[in-house]
Amino acid sequence: IELFERYVPQSIDYVLNGVIGGEAQEKLVQVIPITSIDLVKQLCSTLDAYWAFDQETMNPADQVRPSTECMFVYCIIWSMGAQLLQSSRERFEAFIKDRCTQRLPDGSLY
């Protein structure tokens, strides 16, 4: 839940409206229009596909581990940023990297 709260509302505002922290920026360009609910559905599907979640060994009360946040960032880049043009992908990637508390690769995440 913590990662969803940290990334999802801000990412939706930026992808769909060009808003960062309440301030309007240049809007990102989508290849195809997509709604906020579809962005979240894509994220959940991507998380489900890539995340090996073992309910018996993971306690929901556990702190978010660094590897967990890195996997979440990978999934948000490839779900919410998938329908963006290349120039907008670069801006979205920088936006996500600025919010991440973990060390990410210097190169592109796409």
Protein backbone atom coordinates (compact mmCIF):
# COMPACT_ATOMS: atom_id res chain seq x y z
CA ILE A 1 0.00 0.00 0.00
CA GLU A 2 2.84 2.38 0.84
CA LEU A 3 4.29 2.14 -2.67
CA PHE A 4 0.89 2.65 -4.30
CA GLU A 5 0.32 5.76 -2.18
CA ARG A 6 3.80 7.12 -2.97
CA TYR A 7 3.76 6.56 -6.73
CA VAL A 8 0.32 5.97 -8.24
CA PRO A 9 -1.65 9.22 -7.63
CA GLN A 10 1.30 11.41 -8.65
CA SER A 11 2.03 9.26 -11.70
CA ILE A 12 -1.56 9.42 -12.88
CA ASP A 13 -1.59 13.23 -12.44
CA TYR A 14 1.61 13.54 -14.44
CA VAL A 15 0.76 11.08 -17.23
CA LEU A 16 -2.79 12.27 -17.81
CA ASN A 17 -2.70 15.95 -16.83
CA GLY A 18 0.96 17.05 -16.85
CA VAL A 19 0.72 18.01 -13.18
CA ILE A 20 3.62 17.58 -10.74
CA GLY A 21 3.07 18.60 -7.12
CA GLY A 22 0.06 20.70 -8.04
CA GLU A 23 1.93 22.64 -10.75
CA ALA A 24 1.17 22.28 -14.45
CA GLN A 25 4.06 21.07 -16.60
CA GLU A 26 4.26 20.27 -20.28
CA LYS A 27 1.81 17.43 -20.84
CA LEU A 28 3.16 13.99 -21.72
CA VAL A 29 2.19 12.66 -25.14
CA GLN A 30 0.42 9.31 -25.31
CA VAL A 31 0.44 7.08 -28.38
CA ILE A 32 -3.12 6.07 -27.53
CA PRO A 33 -5.41 7.74 -24.97
CA ILE A 34 -5.88 5.77 -21.77
CA THR A 35 -7.92 6.38 -18.62
CA SER A 36 -6.68 6.46 -15.04
CA ILE A 37 -8.42 3.18 -14.18
CA ASP A 38 -6.74 1.51 -17.15
CA LEU A 39 -3.35 2.81 -15.99
CA VAL A 40 -3.93 1.21 -12.59
CA LYS A 41 -5.19 -2.02 -14.17
CA GLN A 42 -2.04 -2.19 -16.31
CA LEU A 43 0.11 -1.65 -13.22
CA CYS A 44 -1.69 -4.38 -11.26
CA SER A 45 -1.41 -6.81 -14.18
CA THR A 46 2.30 -6.07 -14.53
CA LEU A 47 2.89 -6.52 -10.81
CA ASP A 48 0.96 -9.79 -10.89
CA ALA A 49 3.04 -11.05 -13.82
CA TYR A 50 6.48 -10.14 -12.47
CA TRP A 51 6.15 -10.32 -8.73
CA ALA A 52 6.73 -13.72 -7.20
CA PHE A 53 4.53 -13.22 -4.17
CA ASP A 54 4.52 -16.01 -1.60
CA GLN A 55 1.79 -15.37 0.94
CA GLU A 56 3.16 -17.95 3.38
CA THR A 57 6.60 -16.32 3.73
CA MET A 58 5.74 -12.63 3.48
CA ASN A 59 4.07 -10.87 6.34
CA PRO A 60 1.89 -7.93 5.18
CA ALA A 61 3.21 -5.91 8.14
CA ASP A 62 6.81 -6.20 6.87
CA GLN A 63 8.61 -3.02 5.87
CA VAL A 64 9.02 -2.33 2.17
CA ARG A 65 12.34 -3.89 1.14
CA PRO A 66 14.65 -2.19 -1.38
CA SER A 67 14.08 -4.98 -3.92
CA THR A 68 10.32 -4.53 -3.52
CA GLU A 69 10.50 -0.84 -4.42
CA CYS A 70 12.80 -1.52 -7.37
CA MET A 71 10.37 -4.12 -8.75
CA PHE A 72 7.48 -1.69 -8.23
CA VAL A 73 9.35 1.05 -10.11
CA TYR A 74 10.07 -1.35 -12.99
CA CYS A 75 6.37 -2.26 -13.15
CA ILE A 76 5.17 1.35 -13.01
CA ILE A 77 7.60 2.37 -15.78
CA TRP A 78 6.42 -0.48 -18.04
CA SER A 79 2.72 -0.06 -17.27
CA MET A 80 1.95 3.63 -16.81
CA GLY A 81 4.72 4.73 -19.14
CA ALA A 82 4.21 2.11 -21.84
CA GLN A 83 1.81 4.13 -23.98
CA LEU A 84 3.97 7.28 -24.02
CA LEU A 85 6.03 8.57 -26.94
CA GLN A 86 9.81 8.21 -26.47
CA SER A 87 10.38 11.86 -25.50
CA SER A 88 7.60 11.62 -22.92
CA ARG A 89 8.94 8.30 -21.66
CA GLU A 90 12.25 9.99 -20.85
CA ARG A 91 10.47 12.69 -18.84
CA PHE A 92 8.27 10.13 -17.05
CA GLU A 93 11.33 8.01 -16.21
CA ALA A 94 13.10 11.05 -14.70
CA PHE A 95 9.93 11.83 -12.72
CA ILE A 96 9.85 8.29 -11.29
CA LYS A 97 13.60 8.20 -10.56
CA ASP A 98 13.27 11.46 -8.60
CA ARG A 99 10.72 9.83 -6.31
CA CYS A 100 12.50 6.53 -5.78
CA THR A 101 14.35 6.06 -2.50
CA GLN A 102 16.49 3.21 -3.89
CA ARG A 103 19.49 3.32 -6.20
CA LEU A 104 18.40 2.64 -9.77
CA PRO A 105 20.54 2.05 -12.89
CA ASP A 106 21.98 5.17 -14.48
CA GLY A 107 20.75 4.18 -17.93
CA SER A 108 17.23 3.90 -19.19
CA LEU A 109 14.72 1.69 -17.38
CA TYR A 110 12.86 1.10 -20.65
